[in-house]
């Protein structure tokens, strides 16, 4: 679909692109920090930025709640987290909003922006999200919940229990499966026996849809419809968003062991960020010079955020047991 089919204004499309580009450039910076030994771990969202930004823009961030998973950096930035926030988490700084430096990198959370943190045990955010949605339903709020996970996590019991509960209660929420083709090193063909994971929604009495997460307009419109349905009391939706994983599973993995060079090369030739840039040019939303200017501006922004994050204090040793349990 054309970008303009999203019905967003030119300024809104430019802002969406800026979010996509900033997330990609910040992800690249996190890899650099990991490789020079300044951070311990990175688990990348490269290849999913366009889909994540389109997804997140369909919600009302001041009232809706987001329960992300570890690849959702672009989405949590749309929701309100800054590059400095992300960097402080990766560097384990005391002012890291996710956990005050006590959690692994890429485990996002920010109370100020309605982003609920999660466990490293995959898919635990799904049933927690149903609890959030149920609370809002009981309160009579118009707020809704969004939660995401990877396709490998759909084998977990938490996934099915959450969908079943949401279907029974007609909860105001949107479930997302970000299908990048691999559960670490296990390809889709060895993960599940259906072609389209979104069909599983039918068994739980909720709406289901598959979207091409490389297509900004298609993805945005699908999530806008799902969010509107949830907000209007029509129950939950499960969206399977097809994306790519341009990097290895994490900084501790090497995907060249289980993916062919041709497969990796083809995927990178169809990088969602480059595809969006081509659309911006062809639809005359931005020029080559404007794209270059945005990149230069974002480089300076990320450099500044990196410098500021590195200068922030580490957690004090005598505060080791604080922020573990609720404090009066």
C-alpha atoms as a PDB file:
ATOM      1  CA  UNK A   1       0.000   0.000   0.000  1.00  0.00           C
ATOM      2  CA  UNK A   2       1.053   3.602  -0.490  1.00  0.00           C
ATOM      3  CA  UNK A   3       2.062   5.507   2.626  1.00  0.00           C
ATOM      4  CA  UNK A   4      -0.706   8.014   1.954  1.00  0.00           C
ATOM      5  CA  UNK A   5      -3.277   5.216   2.132  1.00  0.00           C
ATOM      6  CA  UNK A   6      -2.742   5.322   5.887  1.00  0.00           C
ATOM      7  CA  UNK A   7      -4.728   8.606   5.852  1.00  0.00           C
ATOM      8  CA  UNK A   8      -2.015  10.208   7.968  1.00  0.00           C
ATOM      9  CA  UNK A   9      -0.869  13.711   7.080  1.00  0.00           C
ATOM     10  CA  UNK A  10       2.489  14.430   5.454  1.00  0.00           C
ATOM     11  CA  UNK A  11       3.849  15.718   8.765  1.00  0.00           C
ATOM     12  CA  UNK A  12       2.630  12.591  10.566  1.00  0.00           C
ATOM     13  CA  UNK A  13       4.297  10.348   7.982  1.00  0.00           C
ATOM     14  CA  UNK A  14       7.566  12.259   8.344  1.00  0.00           C
ATOM     15  CA  UNK A  15       7.379  11.918  12.121  1.00  0.00           C
ATOM     16  CA  UNK A  16       6.691   8.187  11.751  1.00  0.00           C
ATOM     17  CA  UNK A  17       9.769   7.822   9.553  1.00  0.00           C
ATOM     18  CA  UNK A  18      11.889   9.743  12.038  1.00  0.00           C
ATOM     19  CA  UNK A  19      10.821   7.252  14.726  1.00  0.00           C
ATOM     20  CA  UNK A  20      11.687   4.318  12.459  1.00  0.00           C
ATOM     21  CA  UNK A  21      15.093   5.753  11.575  1.00  0.00           C
ATOM     22  CA  UNK A  22      15.945   6.731  15.144  1.00  0.00           C
ATOM     23  CA  UNK A  23      15.121   3.224  16.378  1.00  0.00           C
ATOM     24  CA  UNK A  24      17.342   1.655  13.709  1.00  0.00           C
ATOM     25  CA  UNK A  25      20.253   3.965  14.446  1.00  0.00           C
ATOM     26  CA  UNK A  26      19.900   3.500  18.204  1.00  0.00           C
ATOM     27  CA  UNK A  27      19.831  -0.279  17.753  1.00  0.00           C
ATOM     28  CA  UNK A  28      23.076  -0.047  15.795  1.00  0.00           C
ATOM     29  CA  UNK A  29      24.580   2.022  18.623  1.00  0.00           C
ATOM     30  CA  UNK A  30      23.561  -0.620  21.179  1.00  0.00           C
ATOM     31  CA  UNK A  31      25.388  -3.265  19.136  1.00  0.00           C
ATOM     32  CA  UNK A  32      28.489  -1.057  19.110  1.00  0.00           C
ATOM     33  CA  UNK A  33      28.361  -0.604  22.891  1.00  0.00           C
ATOM     34  CA  UNK A  34      28.004  -4.338  23.351  1.00  0.00           C
ATOM     35  CA  UNK A  35      30.881  -5.207  21.040  1.00  0.00           C
ATOM     36  CA  UNK A  36      33.291  -2.841  22.803  1.00  0.00           C
ATOM     37  CA  UNK A  37      32.327  -4.238  26.197  1.00  0.00           C
ATOM     38  CA  UNK A  38      30.301  -1.324  27.571  1.00  0.00           C
ATOM     39  CA  UNK A  39      27.042  -3.296  27.753  1.00  0.00           C
ATOM     40  CA  UNK A  40      26.526  -6.960  28.500  1.00  0.00           C
ATOM     41  CA  UNK A  41      23.772  -7.922  26.075  1.00  0.00           C
ATOM     42  CA  UNK A  42      21.643  -6.797  23.144  1.00  0.00           C
ATOM     43  CA  UNK A  43      18.610  -8.362  21.529  1.00  0.00           C
ATOM     44  CA  UNK A  44      17.732  -6.515  18.381  1.00  0.00           C
ATOM     45  CA  UNK A  45      14.552  -5.340  16.691  1.00  0.00           C
ATOM     46  CA  UNK A  46      16.211  -4.545  13.367  1.00  0.00           C
ATOM     47  CA  UNK A  47      13.795  -5.514  10.597  1.00  0.00           C
ATOM     48  CA  UNK A  48      10.656  -4.829  12.634  1.00  0.00           C
ATOM     49  CA  UNK A  49      10.885  -1.041  13.118  1.00  0.00           C
ATOM     50  CA  UNK A  50       8.360  -0.066  10.423  1.00  0.00           C
ATOM     51  CA  UNK A  51       5.768  -2.511  11.741  1.00  0.00           C
ATOM     52  CA  UNK A  52       6.345  -1.540  15.357  1.00  0.00           C
ATOM     53  CA  UNK A  53       6.043   2.184  14.726  1.00  0.00           C
ATOM     54  CA  UNK A  54       2.891   1.692  12.639  1.00  0.00           C
ATOM     55  CA  UNK A  55       1.463  -0.524  15.388  1.00  0.00           C
ATOM     56  CA  UNK A  56       2.205   1.850  18.248  1.00  0.00           C
ATOM     57  CA  UNK A  57       0.921   4.954  16.446  1.00  0.00           C
ATOM     58  CA  UNK A  58      -2.590   3.453  16.366  1.00  0.00           C
ATOM     59  CA  UNK A  59      -2.967   3.810  20.153  1.00  0.00           C
ATOM     60  CA  UNK A  60      -3.503   6.632  22.661  1.00  0.00           C
ATOM     61  CA  UNK A  61      -0.283   6.616  24.651  1.00  0.00           C
ATOM     62  CA  UNK A  62      -1.487   8.831  27.477  1.00  0.00           C
ATOM     63  CA  UNK A  63      -4.243   6.381  28.457  1.00  0.00           C
ATOM     64  CA  UNK A  64      -3.589   2.968  26.836  1.00  0.00           C
ATOM     65  CA  UNK A  65      -1.175   0.411  28.312  1.00  0.00           C
ATOM     66  CA  UNK A  66       1.613  -1.398  26.480  1.00  0.00           C
ATOM     67  CA  UNK A  67       3.083  -4.719  27.604  1.00  0.00           C
ATOM     68  CA  UNK A  68       5.984  -5.229  25.177  1.00  0.00           C
ATOM     69  CA  UNK A  69       8.502  -7.957  24.581  1.00  0.00           C
ATOM     70  CA  UNK A  70      12.259  -7.667  24.242  1.00  0.00           C
ATOM     71  CA  UNK A  71      12.392  -6.691  20.537  1.00  0.00           C
ATOM     72  CA  UNK A  72       9.904  -3.820  20.899  1.00  0.00           C
ATOM     73  CA  UNK A  73      12.375  -0.936  21.202  1.00  0.00           C
ATOM     74  CA  UNK A  74      10.861   1.081  18.335  1.00  0.00           C
ATOM     75  CA  UNK A  75       7.370   0.664  19.773  1.00  0.00           C
ATOM     76  CA  UNK A  76       8.296   1.712  23.327  1.00  0.00           C
ATOM     77  CA  UNK A  77      10.002   4.804  21.914  1.00  0.00           C
ATOM     78  CA  UNK A  78       6.776   5.759  20.141  1.00  0.00           C
ATOM     79  CA  UNK A  79       5.020   5.180  23.479  1.00  0.00           C
ATOM     80  CA  UNK A  80       7.283   7.705  25.178  1.00  0.00           C
ATOM     81  CA  UNK A  81      10.666   6.235  26.130  1.00  0.00           C
ATOM     82  CA  UNK A  82      13.673   8.228  24.928  1.00  0.00           C
ATOM     83  CA  UNK A  83      16.963   7.116  23.408  1.00  0.00           C
ATOM     84  CA  UNK A  84      18.643   8.078  26.684  1.00  0.00           C
ATOM     85  CA  UNK A  85      16.157   5.903  28.619  1.00  0.00           C
ATOM     86  CA  UNK A  86      16.996   2.912  26.433  1.00  0.00           C
ATOM     87  CA  UNK A  87      20.725   3.516  26.711  1.00  0.00           C
ATOM     88  CA  UNK A  88      20.567   3.812  30.497  1.00  0.00           C
ATOM     89  CA  UNK A  89      18.866   0.417  30.593  1.00  0.00           C
ATOM     90  CA  UNK A  90      21.551  -1.175  28.445  1.00  0.00           C
ATOM     91  CA  UNK A  91      24.317   0.402  30.549  1.00  0.00           C
ATOM     92  CA  UNK A  92      22.667  -0.534  33.858  1.00  0.00           C
ATOM     93  CA  UNK A  93      22.365   3.025  35.171  1.00  0.00           C
ATOM     94  CA  UNK A  94      20.543   3.974  38.369  1.00  0.00           C
ATOM     95  CA  UNK A  95      18.066   6.245  36.561  1.00  0.00           C
ATOM     96  CA  UNK A  96      17.059   3.563  34.024  1.00  0.00           C
ATOM     97  CA  UNK A  97      13.225   3.823  34.055  1.00  0.00           C
ATOM     98  CA  UNK A  98      12.760   0.115  33.316  1.00  0.00           C
ATOM     99  CA  UNK A  99      14.439  -1.256  36.457  1.00  0.00           C
ATOM    100  CA  UNK A 100      16.955   1.252  37.850  1.00  0.00           C
ATOM    101  CA  UNK A 101      19.738  -0.848  36.369  1.00  0.00           C
ATOM    102  CA  UNK A 102      18.555  -4.132  37.893  1.00  0.00           C
ATOM    103  CA  UNK A 103      17.156  -5.887  34.816  1.00  0.00           C
ATOM    104  CA  UNK A 104      18.756  -7.217  31.645  1.00  0.00           C
ATOM    105  CA  UNK A 105      19.020  -4.798  28.704  1.00  0.00           C
ATOM    106  CA  UNK A 106      16.003  -4.671  26.362  1.00  0.00           C
ATOM    107  CA  UNK A 107      13.517  -5.406  29.165  1.00  0.00           C
ATOM    108  CA  UNK A 108      11.459  -2.265  28.755  1.00  0.00           C
ATOM    109  CA  UNK A 109       9.162  -0.660  31.266  1.00  0.00           C
ATOM    110  CA  UNK A 110       8.231   2.905  32.167  1.00  0.00           C
ATOM    111  CA  UNK A 111       5.552   3.663  34.735  1.00  0.00           C
ATOM    112  CA  UNK A 112       5.337   7.276  33.585  1.00  0.00           C
ATOM    113  CA  UNK A 113       4.359   6.152  30.085  1.00  0.00           C
ATOM    114  CA  UNK A 114       2.059   3.180  30.857  1.00  0.00           C
ATOM    115  CA  UNK A 115       4.668   0.638  29.715  1.00  0.00           C
ATOM    116  CA  UNK A 116       4.471  -2.440  31.939  1.00  0.00           C
ATOM    117  CA  UNK A 117       7.788  -4.324  32.405  1.00  0.00           C
ATOM    118  CA  UNK A 118       8.065  -8.050  31.787  1.00  0.00           C
ATOM    119  CA  UNK A 119       9.951 -11.193  32.672  1.00  0.00           C
ATOM    120  CA  UNK A 120      12.632 -12.901  30.584  1.00  0.00           C
ATOM    121  CA  UNK A 121      10.381 -15.967  30.624  1.00  0.00           C
ATOM    122  CA  UNK A 122       8.660 -15.526  27.272  1.00  0.00           C
ATOM    123  CA  UNK A 123       4.955 -14.733  26.951  1.00  0.00           C
ATOM    124  CA  UNK A 124       4.322 -14.018  30.622  1.00  0.00           C
ATOM    125  CA  UNK A 125       3.232 -10.530  29.533  1.00  0.00           C
ATOM    126  CA  UNK A 126       0.197 -12.016  27.741  1.00  0.00           C
ATOM    127  CA  UNK A 127      -1.811 -13.098  30.805  1.00  0.00           C
ATOM    128  CA  UNK A 128      -0.649 -10.003  32.712  1.00  0.00           C
ATOM    129  CA  UNK A 129      -2.050  -7.893  29.870  1.00  0.00           C
ATOM    130  CA  UNK A 130      -5.438  -9.562  30.218  1.00  0.00           C
ATOM    131  CA  UNK A 131      -5.430  -8.527  33.875  1.00  0.00           C
ATOM    132  CA  UNK A 132      -4.669  -4.946  32.905  1.00  0.00           C
ATOM    133  CA  UNK A 133      -7.471  -4.988  30.331  1.00  0.00           C
ATOM    134  CA  UNK A 134      -9.907  -6.553  32.799  1.00  0.00           C
ATOM    135  CA  UNK A 135      -9.144  -3.837  35.363  1.00  0.00           C
ATOM    136  CA  UNK A 136      -9.872  -1.136  32.791  1.00  0.00           C
ATOM    137  CA  UNK A 137     -13.063  -2.903  31.750  1.00  0.00           C
ATOM    138  CA  UNK A 138     -14.248  -3.075  35.378  1.00  0.00           C
ATOM    139  CA  UNK A 139     -13.411   0.613  35.862  1.00  0.00           C
ATOM    140  CA  UNK A 140     -15.458   1.524  32.796  1.00  0.00           C
ATOM    141  CA  UNK A 141     -12.403   3.150  31.229  1.00  0.00           C
ATOM    142  CA  UNK A 142     -12.040   3.692  27.500  1.00  0.00           C
ATOM    143  CA  UNK A 143      -8.386   2.705  27.763  1.00  0.00           C
ATOM    144  CA  UNK A 144      -7.165  -0.495  26.122  1.00  0.00           C
ATOM    145  CA  UNK A 145      -4.129  -2.789  26.408  1.00  0.00           C
ATOM    146  CA  UNK A 146      -1.620  -3.816  23.743  1.00  0.00           C
ATOM    147  CA  UNK A 147       0.748  -6.734  24.212  1.00  0.00           C
ATOM    148  CA  UNK A 148       3.261  -8.384  21.880  1.00  0.00           C
ATOM    149  CA  UNK A 149       5.412 -11.477  21.666  1.00  0.00           C
ATOM    150  CA  UNK A 150       7.335 -13.489  19.082  1.00  0.00           C
ATOM    151  CA  UNK A 151       5.929 -16.408  17.123  1.00  0.00           C
ATOM    152  CA  UNK A 152       8.059 -18.928  19.017  1.00  0.00           C
ATOM    153  CA  UNK A 153       6.214 -17.917  22.179  1.00  0.00           C
ATOM    154  CA  UNK A 154       2.870 -19.081  20.774  1.00  0.00           C
ATOM    155  CA  UNK A 155       3.819 -22.597  21.895  1.00  0.00           C
ATOM    156  CA  UNK A 156       3.660 -21.468  25.523  1.00  0.00           C
ATOM    157  CA  UNK A 157       0.594 -22.093  27.657  1.00  0.00           C
ATOM    158  CA  UNK A 158       0.474 -18.414  28.679  1.00  0.00           C
ATOM    159  CA  UNK A 159      -0.355 -17.500  25.066  1.00  0.00           C
ATOM    160  CA  UNK A 160      -3.398 -19.770  24.853  1.00  0.00           C
ATOM    161  CA  UNK A 161      -4.648 -19.055  28.373  1.00  0.00           C
ATOM    162  CA  UNK A 162      -4.558 -15.314  27.719  1.00  0.00           C
ATOM    163  CA  UNK A 163      -6.450 -15.593  24.431  1.00  0.00           C
ATOM    164  CA  UNK A 164      -9.060 -17.851  26.021  1.00  0.00           C
ATOM    165  CA  UNK A 165      -9.629 -15.444  28.924  1.00  0.00           C
ATOM    166  CA  UNK A 166      -9.812 -12.446  26.596  1.00  0.00           C
ATOM    167  CA  UNK A 167     -12.367 -14.210  24.420  1.00  0.00           C
ATOM    168  CA  UNK A 168     -14.585 -15.160  27.349  1.00  0.00           C
ATOM    169  CA  UNK A 169     -14.454 -11.695  28.925  1.00  0.00           C
ATOM    170  CA  UNK A 170     -14.554  -9.681  25.667  1.00  0.00           C
ATOM    171  CA  UNK A 171     -11.557  -7.722  26.902  1.00  0.00           C
ATOM    172  CA  UNK A 172     -10.501  -4.359  25.411  1.00  0.00           C
ATOM    173  CA  UNK A 173      -7.106  -5.364  24.113  1.00  0.00           C
ATOM    174  CA  UNK A 174      -4.942  -6.208  21.124  1.00  0.00           C
ATOM    175  CA  UNK A 175      -2.578  -9.189  21.052  1.00  0.00           C
ATOM    176  CA  UNK A 176       0.365  -9.181  18.635  1.00  0.00           C
ATOM    177  CA  UNK A 177       2.571 -11.957  17.282  1.00  0.00           C
ATOM    178  CA  UNK A 178       5.695 -10.487  15.692  1.00  0.00           C
ATOM    179  CA  UNK A 179       6.585 -13.337  13.352  1.00  0.00           C
ATOM    180  CA  UNK A 180      10.175 -12.959  12.143  1.00  0.00           C
ATOM    181  CA  UNK A 181      10.533 -16.521  10.917  1.00  0.00           C
ATOM    182  CA  UNK A 182      12.792 -17.889  13.651  1.00  0.00           C
ATOM    183  CA  UNK A 183      12.477 -18.836  17.314  1.00  0.00           C
ATOM    184  CA  UNK A 184      16.202 -18.389  18.008  1.00  0.00           C
ATOM    185  CA  UNK A 185      17.430 -20.996  15.478  1.00  0.00           C
ATOM    186  CA  UNK A 186      14.145 -22.868  14.889  1.00  0.00           C
ATOM    187  CA  UNK A 187      12.370 -21.924  11.616  1.00  0.00           C
ATOM    188  CA  UNK A 188       8.601 -21.497  11.309  1.00  0.00           C
ATOM    189  CA  UNK A 189       8.185 -24.886   9.626  1.00  0.00           C
ATOM    190  CA  UNK A 190       9.378 -26.584  12.808  1.00  0.00           C
ATOM    191  CA  UNK A 191       7.470 -24.305  15.187  1.00  0.00           C
ATOM    192  CA  UNK A 192       3.811 -24.758  14.264  1.00  0.00           C
ATOM    193  CA  UNK A 193       1.598 -26.651  11.847  1.00  0.00           C
ATOM    194  CA  UNK A 194      -0.539 -23.799  10.484  1.00  0.00           C
ATOM    195  CA  UNK A 195       0.393 -21.368   7.734  1.00  0.00           C
ATOM    196  CA  UNK A 196      -1.221 -18.351   9.373  1.00  0.00           C
ATOM    197  CA  UNK A 197      -0.956 -18.022  13.160  1.00  0.00           C
ATOM    198  CA  UNK A 198      -3.716 -15.423  13.277  1.00  0.00           C
ATOM    199  CA  UNK A 199      -6.287 -18.168  12.523  1.00  0.00           C
ATOM    200  CA  UNK A 200      -5.825 -19.326  16.099  1.00  0.00           C
ATOM    201  CA  UNK A 201      -7.936 -16.349  17.175  1.00  0.00           C
ATOM    202  CA  UNK A 202     -11.078 -18.060  15.875  1.00  0.00           C
ATOM    203  CA  UNK A 203     -10.822 -20.856  18.430  1.00  0.00           C
ATOM    204  CA  UNK A 204     -10.996 -18.313  21.249  1.00  0.00           C
ATOM    205  CA  UNK A 205     -13.793 -16.155  19.888  1.00  0.00           C
ATOM    206  CA  UNK A 206     -11.718 -13.103  19.036  1.00  0.00           C
ATOM    207  CA  UNK A 207     -10.821 -11.359  15.778  1.00  0.00           C
ATOM    208  CA  UNK A 208      -7.698 -12.469  13.920  1.00  0.00           C
ATOM    209  CA  UNK A 209      -5.673 -10.902  11.113  1.00  0.00           C
ATOM    210  CA  UNK A 210      -2.270 -11.272   9.454  1.00  0.00           C
ATOM    211  CA  UNK A 211      -0.455  -8.143   8.196  1.00  0.00           C
ATOM    212  CA  UNK A 212       2.772  -7.418   6.348  1.00  0.00           C
ATOM    213  CA  UNK A 213       4.794  -5.552   8.964  1.00  0.00           C
ATOM    214  CA  UNK A 214       7.108  -4.204   6.254  1.00  0.00           C
ATOM    215  CA  UNK A 215       4.154  -2.217   4.865  1.00  0.00           C
ATOM    216  CA  UNK A 216       3.559   0.844   7.024  1.00  0.00           C
ATOM    217  CA  UNK A 217       0.066   1.763   5.798  1.00  0.00           C
ATOM    218  CA  UNK A 218      -1.303  -1.791   5.857  1.00  0.00           C
ATOM    219  CA  UNK A 219      -0.024  -2.310   9.383  1.00  0.00           C
ATOM    220  CA  UNK A 220      -1.206   1.033  10.738  1.00  0.00           C
ATOM    221  CA  UNK A 221      -4.731   0.587   9.359  1.00  0.00           C
ATOM    222  CA  UNK A 222      -5.022  -2.939  10.768  1.00  0.00           C
ATOM    223  CA  UNK A 223      -4.017  -1.803  14.249  1.00  0.00           C
ATOM    224  CA  UNK A 224      -6.216   1.289  14.067  1.00  0.00           C
ATOM    225  CA  UNK A 225      -9.203  -0.948  13.329  1.00  0.00           C
ATOM    226  CA  UNK A 226      -8.282  -3.345  16.144  1.00  0.00           C
ATOM    227  CA  UNK A 227      -7.799  -0.492  18.627  1.00  0.00           C
ATOM    228  CA  UNK A 228     -11.112   1.091  17.653  1.00  0.00           C
ATOM    229  CA  UNK A 229     -12.909  -2.243  18.056  1.00  0.00           C
ATOM    230  CA  UNK A 230     -11.430  -2.766  21.514  1.00  0.00           C
ATOM    231  CA  UNK A 231     -12.201   0.798  22.611  1.00  0.00           C
ATOM    232  CA  UNK A 232     -15.802   0.484  21.446  1.00  0.00           C
ATOM    233  CA  UNK A 233     -16.455  -2.670  23.458  1.00  0.00           C
ATOM    234  CA  UNK A 234     -16.193  -5.174  20.599  1.00  0.00           C
ATOM    235  CA  UNK A 235     -13.563  -7.353  22.243  1.00  0.00           C
ATOM    236  CA  UNK A 236     -10.004  -8.393  21.474  1.00  0.00           C
ATOM    237  CA  UNK A 237      -8.010  -8.885  18.276  1.00  0.00           C
ATOM    238  CA  UNK A 238      -4.988 -11.077  17.541  1.00  0.00           C
ATOM    239  CA  UNK A 239      -2.713  -9.640  14.836  1.00  0.00           C
ATOM    240  CA  UNK A 240       0.135 -11.642  13.345  1.00  0.00           C
ATOM    241  CA  UNK A 241       2.647  -9.117  12.048  1.00  0.00           C
ATOM    242  CA  UNK A 242       5.137 -10.514   9.535  1.00  0.00           C
ATOM    243  CA  UNK A 243       8.547  -8.912  10.035  1.00  0.00           C
ATOM    244  CA  UNK A 244      12.235  -9.758   9.553  1.00  0.00           C
ATOM    245  CA  UNK A 245      15.047 -10.395  11.996  1.00  0.00           C
ATOM    246  CA  UNK A 246      18.031  -8.830  10.280  1.00  0.00           C
ATOM    247  CA  UNK A 247      20.452  -9.702  13.062  1.00  0.00           C
ATOM    248  CA  UNK A 248      21.170 -12.829  15.060  1.00  0.00           C
ATOM    249  CA  UNK A 249      18.734 -13.747  17.841  1.00  0.00           C
ATOM    250  CA  UNK A 250      20.885 -11.824  20.308  1.00  0.00           C
ATOM    251  CA  UNK A 251      24.430 -10.646  20.855  1.00  0.00           C
ATOM    252  CA  UNK A 252      25.221 -14.174  22.095  1.00  0.00           C
ATOM    253  CA  UNK A 253      24.050 -15.866  18.875  1.00  0.00           C
ATOM    254  CA  UNK A 254      25.404 -16.278  15.315  1.00  0.00           C
ATOM    255  CA  UNK A 255      22.635 -16.808  12.777  1.00  0.00           C
ATOM    256  CA  UNK A 256      25.141 -17.732  10.064  1.00  0.00           C
ATOM    257  CA  UNK A 257      25.240 -21.172  11.686  1.00  0.00           C
ATOM    258  CA  UNK A 258      21.621 -21.934  10.760  1.00  0.00           C
ATOM    259  CA  UNK A 259      20.745 -19.478   7.944  1.00  0.00           C
ATOM    260  CA  UNK A 260      22.245 -19.514   4.469  1.00  0.00           C
ATOM    261  CA  UNK A 261      24.220 -16.530   3.131  1.00  0.00           C
ATOM    262  CA  UNK A 262      21.655 -16.136   0.316  1.00  0.00           C
ATOM    263  CA  UNK A 263      18.780 -16.044   2.806  1.00  0.00           C
ATOM    264  CA  UNK A 264      20.453 -13.334   4.885  1.00  0.00           C
ATOM    265  CA  UNK A 265      21.455 -11.305   1.816  1.00  0.00           C
ATOM    266  CA  UNK A 266      17.942 -11.409   0.328  1.00  0.00           C
ATOM    267  CA  UNK A 267      16.406 -10.338   3.623  1.00  0.00           C
ATOM    268  CA  UNK A 268      18.765  -7.355   3.918  1.00  0.00           C
ATOM    269  CA  UNK A 269      18.023  -6.301   0.340  1.00  0.00           C
ATOM    270  CA  UNK A 270      14.375  -5.964   1.413  1.00  0.00           C
ATOM    271  CA  UNK A 271      15.119  -4.111   4.647  1.00  0.00           C
ATOM    272  CA  UNK A 272      11.891  -2.442   5.811  1.00  0.00           C
ATOM    273  CA  UNK A 273      13.656   0.861   6.548  1.00  0.00           C
ATOM    274  CA  UNK A 274      15.040   1.080   3.007  1.00  0.00           C
ATOM    275  CA  UNK A 275      11.626   0.143   1.587  1.00  0.00           C
ATOM    276  CA  UNK A 276       9.987   2.957   3.555  1.00  0.00           C
ATOM    277  CA  UNK A 277      12.632   5.420   2.388  1.00  0.00           C
ATOM    278  CA  UNK A 278      11.955   4.426  -1.233  1.00  0.00           C
ATOM    279  CA  UNK A 279       8.236   5.025  -0.679  1.00  0.00           C
ATOM    280  CA  UNK A 280       8.872   8.406   0.905  1.00  0.00           C
ATOM    281  CA  UNK A 281      10.875   9.400  -2.165  1.00  0.00           C
ATOM    282  CA  UNK A 282       8.500   7.964  -4.772  1.00  0.00           C
ATOM    283  CA  UNK A 283       5.445   9.538  -3.122  1.00  0.00           C
ATOM    284  CA  UNK A 284       7.338  12.843  -2.806  1.00  0.00           C
ATOM    285  CA  UNK A 285       6.899  12.996   0.953  1.00  0.00           C
ATOM    286  CA  UNK A 286      10.642  13.609   1.415  1.00  0.00           C
ATOM    287  CA  UNK A 287      13.583  14.322  -0.869  1.00  0.00           C
ATOM    288  CA  UNK A 288      17.052  12.734  -0.822  1.00  0.00           C
ATOM    289  CA  UNK A 289      18.409  15.888   0.799  1.00  0.00           C
ATOM    290  CA  UNK A 290      15.732  15.802   3.499  1.00  0.00           C
ATOM    291  CA  UNK A 291      16.434  12.129   4.241  1.00  0.00           C
ATOM    292  CA  UNK A 292      20.133  12.947   4.613  1.00  0.00           C
ATOM    293  CA  UNK A 293      19.336  15.884   6.880  1.00  0.00           C
ATOM    294  CA  UNK A 294      17.155  13.739   9.147  1.00  0.00           C
ATOM    295  CA  UNK A 295      19.898  11.107   9.380  1.00  0.00           C
ATOM    296  CA  UNK A 296      22.484  13.737  10.337  1.00  0.00           C
ATOM    297  CA  UNK A 297      20.176  15.226  12.971  1.00  0.00           C
ATOM    298  CA  UNK A 298      19.461  11.790  14.476  1.00  0.00           C
ATOM    299  CA  UNK A 299      23.175  10.934  14.556  1.00  0.00           C
ATOM    300  CA  UNK A 300      23.785  14.005  16.707  1.00  0.00           C
ATOM    301  CA  UNK A 301      20.803  13.165  18.914  1.00  0.00           C
ATOM    302  CA  UNK A 302      21.988   9.595  19.548  1.00  0.00           C
ATOM    303  CA  UNK A 303      25.564  10.712  20.159  1.00  0.00           C
ATOM    304  CA  UNK A 304      24.332  13.183  22.763  1.00  0.00           C
ATOM    305  CA  UNK A 305      22.051  10.582  24.378  1.00  0.00           C
ATOM    306  CA  UNK A 306      24.963   8.120  24.524  1.00  0.00           C
ATOM    307  CA  UNK A 307      27.265  10.648  26.176  1.00  0.00           C
ATOM    308  CA  UNK A 308      24.618  11.648  28.704  1.00  0.00           C
ATOM    309  CA  UNK A 309      23.724   8.024  29.528  1.00  0.00           C
ATOM    310  CA  UNK A 310      27.357   7.043  30.024  1.00  0.00           C
ATOM    311  CA  UNK A 311      27.816   9.923  32.468  1.00  0.00           C
ATOM    312  CA  UNK A 312      24.847   8.895  34.615  1.00  0.00           C
ATOM    313  CA  UNK A 313      25.634   7.221  37.977  1.00  0.00           C
ATOM    314  CA  UNK A 314      25.600   3.483  38.479  1.00  0.00           C
ATOM    315  CA  UNK A 315      23.317   2.019  41.185  1.00  0.00           C
ATOM    316  CA  UNK A 316      24.835   2.405  44.654  1.00  0.00           C
ATOM    317  CA  UNK A 317      25.808  -0.854  46.337  1.00  0.00           C
ATOM    318  CA  UNK A 318      23.861   0.002  49.492  1.00  0.00           C
ATOM    319  CA  UNK A 319      20.690   0.275  47.371  1.00  0.00           C
ATOM    320  CA  UNK A 320      20.946  -3.272  46.037  1.00  0.00           C
ATOM    321  CA  UNK A 321      17.699  -4.451  47.641  1.00  0.00           C
ATOM    322  CA  UNK A 322      15.610  -1.382  46.847  1.00  0.00           C
ATOM    323  CA  UNK A 323      13.121  -1.368  43.951  1.00  0.00           C
ATOM    324  CA  UNK A 324      12.650  -5.114  44.379  1.00  0.00           C
ATOM    325  CA  UNK A 325       9.312  -5.061  46.195  1.00  0.00           C
ATOM    326  CA  UNK A 326       6.622  -2.404  46.544  1.00  0.00           C
ATOM    327  CA  UNK A 327       7.709   0.203  49.066  1.00  0.00           C
ATOM    328  CA  UNK A 328       5.468   2.372  51.233  1.00  0.00           C
END
